[in-house]
Amino acid sequence: MTLIYLTPKQVSITTADISAAEQLLLWSIRTWVMGMKRKTDFKTELERAYQAYGIPDASTLLDLFMYCLSFGANRSIDIRCRLNGSISPDELTLLNIMANCQQGKTDLAGCLLADLCGDQYLMQTKAHATAFTDLFRSRTGLTLTCLKLSPPRGSALPGNPKEAKYNKIAQ
């Protein structure tokens, strides 16, 4: 069976709708891209961030993943500013690639990655994503989840969307 994935056109979830682990990963991807664009020392910043979680070597694995992705990209990939609260469709795809790699669904991750990356870099990029997520989970216990295009029902209530969900359950 052949799977085909097309990046969605719109995403309505925001950084407030995702877990701290997913926020760290998204921030890392955005930091890497901005650092490359501006030619700044982003690697030290990433290493310090992952050092706080006890996994400074994760920054190297993420760096390898991003390098492979950037060399193998078959189109422009929409990565937003670190302070932007919205999540682009491509960023959602990258987060879901990492979540699927962490869950051992590497075929599905490869299918998602094929929308962004050419065949000649696909296997290597997927291998670096898997190495990163394995280290991330084994050393921190943090898991990444596959994200939907829109927030769960009820999360659009005033205040923090996650608190609103829990308040609804508690009542």
C-alpha atoms as a PDB file:
ATOM      1  CA  MET A   1       0.000   0.000   0.000  1.00  0.00           C
ATOM      2  CA  THR A   2       1.334   3.417  -0.935  1.00  0.00           C
ATOM      3  CA  LEU A   3       0.657   6.329   1.390  1.00  0.00           C
ATOM      4  CA  ILE A   4       0.595   9.879   0.085  1.00  0.00           C
ATOM      5  CA  TYR A   5       0.638  12.885   2.387  1.00  0.00           C
ATOM      6  CA  LEU A   6      -0.022  16.480   1.419  1.00  0.00           C
ATOM      7  CA  THR A   7       0.709  19.252   3.881  1.00  0.00           C
ATOM      8  CA  PRO A   8      -2.539  20.917   4.992  1.00  0.00           C
ATOM      9  CA  LYS A   9      -3.276  24.428   3.795  1.00  0.00           C
ATOM     10  CA  GLN A  10      -4.430  25.718   7.188  1.00  0.00           C
ATOM     11  CA  VAL A  11      -3.718  24.956  10.835  1.00  0.00           C
ATOM     12  CA  SER A  12      -5.727  26.513  13.630  1.00  0.00           C
ATOM     13  CA  ILE A  13      -3.848  25.141  16.650  1.00  0.00           C
ATOM     14  CA  THR A  14      -1.381  27.480  18.324  1.00  0.00           C
ATOM     15  CA  THR A  15       1.621  27.052  20.581  1.00  0.00           C
ATOM     16  CA  ALA A  16      -0.768  27.276  23.555  1.00  0.00           C
ATOM     17  CA  ASP A  17      -2.438  24.050  22.346  1.00  0.00           C
ATOM     18  CA  ILE A  18       0.718  21.906  22.376  1.00  0.00           C
ATOM     19  CA  SER A  19       2.713  20.303  25.187  1.00  0.00           C
ATOM     20  CA  ALA A  20       5.945  21.699  26.658  1.00  0.00           C
ATOM     21  CA  ALA A  21       7.924  18.995  24.824  1.00  0.00           C
ATOM     22  CA  GLU A  22       6.368  19.993  21.504  1.00  0.00           C
ATOM     23  CA  GLN A  23       6.935  23.678  22.292  1.00  0.00           C
ATOM     24  CA  LEU A  24      10.630  22.951  22.949  1.00  0.00           C
ATOM     25  CA  LEU A  25      10.935  21.096  19.659  1.00  0.00           C
ATOM     26  CA  LEU A  26       9.125  23.826  17.710  1.00  0.00           C
ATOM     27  CA  TRP A  27      11.248  26.533  19.358  1.00  0.00           C
ATOM     28  CA  SER A  28      14.374  24.512  18.478  1.00  0.00           C
ATOM     29  CA  ILE A  29      13.409  24.193  14.818  1.00  0.00           C
ATOM     30  CA  ARG A  30      12.612  27.900  14.626  1.00  0.00           C
ATOM     31  CA  THR A  31      15.860  28.805  16.417  1.00  0.00           C
ATOM     32  CA  TRP A  32      17.871  26.655  13.996  1.00  0.00           C
ATOM     33  CA  VAL A  33      16.275  28.261  10.937  1.00  0.00           C
ATOM     34  CA  MET A  34      16.606  31.832  12.254  1.00  0.00           C
ATOM     35  CA  GLY A  35      20.220  31.158  13.243  1.00  0.00           C
ATOM     36  CA  MET A  36      21.046  29.897   9.769  1.00  0.00           C
ATOM     37  CA  LYS A  37      19.333  32.873   8.124  1.00  0.00           C
ATOM     38  CA  ARG A  38      21.011  35.439  10.366  1.00  0.00           C
ATOM     39  CA  LYS A  39      24.340  33.565  10.621  1.00  0.00           C
ATOM     40  CA  THR A  40      24.320  33.682  14.422  1.00  0.00           C
ATOM     41  CA  ASP A  41      25.598  31.197  17.005  1.00  0.00           C
ATOM     42  CA  PHE A  42      22.343  29.305  17.482  1.00  0.00           C
ATOM     43  CA  LYS A  43      24.053  25.984  18.272  1.00  0.00           C
ATOM     44  CA  THR A  44      25.192  27.187  21.698  1.00  0.00           C
ATOM     45  CA  GLU A  45      21.667  28.409  22.451  1.00  0.00           C
ATOM     46  CA  LEU A  46      20.175  25.047  21.465  1.00  0.00           C
ATOM     47  CA  GLU A  47      22.781  23.130  23.450  1.00  0.00           C
ATOM     48  CA  ARG A  48      22.009  25.217  26.562  1.00  0.00           C
ATOM     49  CA  ALA A  49      18.283  24.597  26.142  1.00  0.00           C
ATOM     50  CA  TYR A  50      18.756  20.843  25.882  1.00  0.00           C
ATOM     51  CA  GLN A  51      21.316  20.888  28.708  1.00  0.00           C
ATOM     52  CA  ALA A  52      18.473  22.079  30.958  1.00  0.00           C
ATOM     53  CA  TYR A  53      16.773  18.741  30.175  1.00  0.00           C
ATOM     54  CA  GLY A  54      20.026  16.803  30.667  1.00  0.00           C
ATOM     55  CA  ILE A  55      20.459  16.006  26.967  1.00  0.00           C
ATOM     56  CA  PRO A  56      22.871  18.516  25.404  1.00  0.00           C
ATOM     57  CA  ASP A  57      23.737  15.988  22.669  1.00  0.00           C
ATOM     58  CA  ALA A  58      20.129  16.189  21.440  1.00  0.00           C
ATOM     59  CA  SER A  59      20.996  19.570  19.938  1.00  0.00           C
ATOM     60  CA  THR A  60      23.571  17.861  17.683  1.00  0.00           C
ATOM     61  CA  LEU A  61      21.015  15.290  16.514  1.00  0.00           C
ATOM     62  CA  LEU A  62      18.487  18.025  15.810  1.00  0.00           C
ATOM     63  CA  ASP A  63      21.187  19.925  13.915  1.00  0.00           C
ATOM     64  CA  LEU A  64      21.863  16.858  11.748  1.00  0.00           C
ATOM     65  CA  PHE A  65      18.146  16.409  11.078  1.00  0.00           C
ATOM     66  CA  MET A  66      17.732  20.058  10.086  1.00  0.00           C
ATOM     67  CA  TYR A  67      20.830  20.032   7.848  1.00  0.00           C
ATOM     68  CA  CYS A  68      19.585  16.958   5.986  1.00  0.00           C
ATOM     69  CA  LEU A  69      16.130  18.477   5.676  1.00  0.00           C
ATOM     70  CA  SER A  70      17.502  21.779   4.392  1.00  0.00           C
ATOM     71  CA  PHE A  71      19.710  20.084   1.796  1.00  0.00           C
ATOM     72  CA  GLY A  72      16.985  17.691   0.739  1.00  0.00           C
ATOM     73  CA  ALA A  73      14.039  20.094   0.779  1.00  0.00           C
ATOM     74  CA  ASN A  74      12.101  19.889  -2.463  1.00  0.00           C
ATOM     75  CA  ARG A  75      10.305  23.190  -1.781  1.00  0.00           C
ATOM     76  CA  SER A  76      10.344  26.137   0.596  1.00  0.00           C
ATOM     77  CA  ILE A  77       9.343  25.123   4.119  1.00  0.00           C
ATOM     78  CA  ASP A  78       7.299  27.613   6.169  1.00  0.00           C
ATOM     79  CA  ILE A  79       9.067  28.107   9.503  1.00  0.00           C
ATOM     80  CA  ARG A  80       7.841  31.007  11.600  1.00  0.00           C
ATOM     81  CA  CYS A  81       9.550  33.371  14.033  1.00  0.00           C
ATOM     82  CA  ARG A  82      10.277  31.972  17.514  1.00  0.00           C
ATOM     83  CA  LEU A  83       7.832  34.402  19.133  1.00  0.00           C
ATOM     84  CA  ASN A  84       4.962  33.681  16.750  1.00  0.00           C
ATOM     85  CA  GLY A  85       2.084  31.906  18.499  1.00  0.00           C
ATOM     86  CA  SER A  86       0.692  30.371  15.329  1.00  0.00           C
ATOM     87  CA  ILE A  87       1.921  27.106  13.856  1.00  0.00           C
ATOM     88  CA  SER A  88       2.447  26.792  10.122  1.00  0.00           C
ATOM     89  CA  PRO A  89       1.228  23.714   8.227  1.00  0.00           C
ATOM     90  CA  ASP A  90       4.870  22.748   7.577  1.00  0.00           C
ATOM     91  CA  GLU A  91       5.742  23.109  11.265  1.00  0.00           C
ATOM     92  CA  LEU A  92       2.778  20.877  12.148  1.00  0.00           C
ATOM     93  CA  THR A  93       4.089  18.332   9.652  1.00  0.00           C
ATOM     94  CA  LEU A  94       7.583  18.461  11.194  1.00  0.00           C
ATOM     95  CA  LEU A  95       6.179  17.982  14.711  1.00  0.00           C
ATOM     96  CA  ASN A  96       4.126  15.018  13.479  1.00  0.00           C
ATOM     97  CA  ILE A  97       7.170  13.515  11.742  1.00  0.00           C
ATOM     98  CA  MET A  98       9.052  13.613  15.040  1.00  0.00           C
ATOM     99  CA  ALA A  99       6.074  12.210  16.979  1.00  0.00           C
ATOM    100  CA  ASN A 100       5.711   9.313  14.551  1.00  0.00           C
ATOM    101  CA  CYS A 101       9.448   8.583  14.690  1.00  0.00           C
ATOM    102  CA  GLN A 102       9.317   8.547  18.489  1.00  0.00           C
ATOM    103  CA  GLN A 103       6.363   6.145  18.408  1.00  0.00           C
ATOM    104  CA  GLY A 104       8.174   3.787  16.024  1.00  0.00           C
ATOM    105  CA  LYS A 105       5.912   4.637  13.082  1.00  0.00           C
ATOM    106  CA  THR A 106       8.846   5.330  10.787  1.00  0.00           C
ATOM    107  CA  ASP A 107       6.966   4.396   7.600  1.00  0.00           C
ATOM    108  CA  LEU A 108       4.323   6.998   8.371  1.00  0.00           C
ATOM    109  CA  ALA A 109       7.030   9.513   9.343  1.00  0.00           C
ATOM    110  CA  GLY A 110       8.724   8.822   6.002  1.00  0.00           C
ATOM    111  CA  CYS A 111       5.465   9.434   4.172  1.00  0.00           C
ATOM    112  CA  LEU A 112       5.046  12.801   5.929  1.00  0.00           C
ATOM    113  CA  LEU A 113       8.686  13.658   5.296  1.00  0.00           C
ATOM    114  CA  ALA A 114       8.412  12.839   1.581  1.00  0.00           C
ATOM    115  CA  ASP A 115       6.193  15.905   1.157  1.00  0.00           C
ATOM    116  CA  LEU A 116       9.080  18.096   2.322  1.00  0.00           C
ATOM    117  CA  CYS A 117      12.210  16.203   1.364  1.00  0.00           C
ATOM    118  CA  GLY A 118      13.547  14.613  -1.807  1.00  0.00           C
ATOM    119  CA  ASP A 119      14.172  10.869  -2.037  1.00  0.00           C
ATOM    120  CA  GLN A 120      17.975  11.165  -1.935  1.00  0.00           C
ATOM    121  CA  TYR A 121      17.853  12.654   1.603  1.00  0.00           C
ATOM    122  CA  LEU A 122      14.732  10.938   2.916  1.00  0.00           C
ATOM    123  CA  MET A 123      16.302   7.928   4.651  1.00  0.00           C
ATOM    124  CA  GLN A 124      19.094   9.926   6.289  1.00  0.00           C
ATOM    125  CA  THR A 125      16.736  12.689   7.455  1.00  0.00           C
ATOM    126  CA  LYS A 126      14.341  10.110   8.925  1.00  0.00           C
ATOM    127  CA  ALA A 127      17.245   8.340  10.672  1.00  0.00           C
ATOM    128  CA  HIS A 128      18.341  11.586  12.354  1.00  0.00           C
ATOM    129  CA  ALA A 129      14.741  12.321  13.407  1.00  0.00           C
ATOM    130  CA  THR A 130      14.484   8.846  14.933  1.00  0.00           C
ATOM    131  CA  ALA A 131      17.817   9.200  16.759  1.00  0.00           C
ATOM    132  CA  PHE A 132      16.747  12.591  18.140  1.00  0.00           C
ATOM    133  CA  THR A 133      13.343  11.407  19.342  1.00  0.00           C
ATOM    134  CA  ASP A 134      14.743   8.186  20.842  1.00  0.00           C
ATOM    135  CA  LEU A 135      17.261  10.178  22.882  1.00  0.00           C
ATOM    136  CA  PHE A 136      14.617  12.756  23.794  1.00  0.00           C
ATOM    137  CA  ARG A 137      12.237  10.101  25.140  1.00  0.00           C
ATOM    138  CA  SER A 138      14.805   7.838  26.802  1.00  0.00           C
ATOM    139  CA  ARG A 139      16.580  10.572  28.752  1.00  0.00           C
ATOM    140  CA  THR A 140      13.656  12.870  29.610  1.00  0.00           C
ATOM    141  CA  GLY A 141      10.611  10.616  29.487  1.00  0.00           C
ATOM    142  CA  LEU A 142       8.869  13.268  27.385  1.00  0.00           C
ATOM    143  CA  THR A 143       6.699  12.068  24.559  1.00  0.00           C
ATOM    144  CA  LEU A 144       5.539  13.850  21.454  1.00  0.00           C
ATOM    145  CA  THR A 145       1.990  13.386  20.208  1.00  0.00           C
ATOM    146  CA  CYS A 146       0.596  13.559  16.709  1.00  0.00           C
ATOM    147  CA  LEU A 147      -1.190  16.875  16.421  1.00  0.00           C
ATOM    148  CA  LYS A 148      -4.504  17.658  14.780  1.00  0.00           C
ATOM    149  CA  LEU A 149      -5.189  20.631  12.520  1.00  0.00           C
ATOM    150  CA  SER A 150      -7.412  22.341  15.051  1.00  0.00           C
ATOM    151  CA  PRO A 151      -7.652  22.491  18.857  1.00  0.00           C
ATOM    152  CA  PRO A 152      -9.930  20.084  20.726  1.00  0.00           C
ATOM    153  CA  ARG A 153     -13.546  21.187  21.204  1.00  0.00           C
ATOM    154  CA  GLY A 154     -14.056  23.408  24.204  1.00  0.00           C
ATOM    155  CA  SER A 155     -10.514  24.740  24.191  1.00  0.00           C
ATOM    156  CA  ALA A 156     -11.598  28.040  22.659  1.00  0.00           C
ATOM    157  CA  LEU A 157     -13.020  29.160  26.005  1.00  0.00           C
ATOM    158  CA  PRO A 158     -11.534  32.308  27.571  1.00  0.00           C
ATOM    159  CA  GLY A 159      -8.170  31.880  29.295  1.00  0.00           C
ATOM    160  CA  ASN A 160      -5.681  29.112  28.778  1.00  0.00           C
ATOM    161  CA  PRO A 161      -7.151  26.515  26.394  1.00  0.00           C
ATOM    162  CA  LYS A 162      -5.743  23.604  28.399  1.00  0.00           C
ATOM    163  CA  GLU A 163      -7.144  24.981  31.669  1.00  0.00           C
ATOM    164  CA  ALA A 164     -10.535  25.362  30.035  1.00  0.00           C
ATOM    165  CA  LYS A 165     -10.468  21.697  29.038  1.00  0.00           C
ATOM    166  CA  TYR A 166      -9.585  20.626  32.589  1.00  0.00           C
ATOM    167  CA  ASN A 167     -12.148  22.954  34.140  1.00  0.00           C
ATOM    168  CA  LYS A 168     -14.820  21.372  31.983  1.00  0.00           C
ATOM    169  CA  ILE A 169     -13.838  17.895  33.192  1.00  0.00           C
ATOM    170  CA  ALA A 170     -13.663  18.971  36.841  1.00  0.00           C
ATOM    171  CA  GLN A 171     -17.197  20.430  36.877  1.00  0.00           C
END
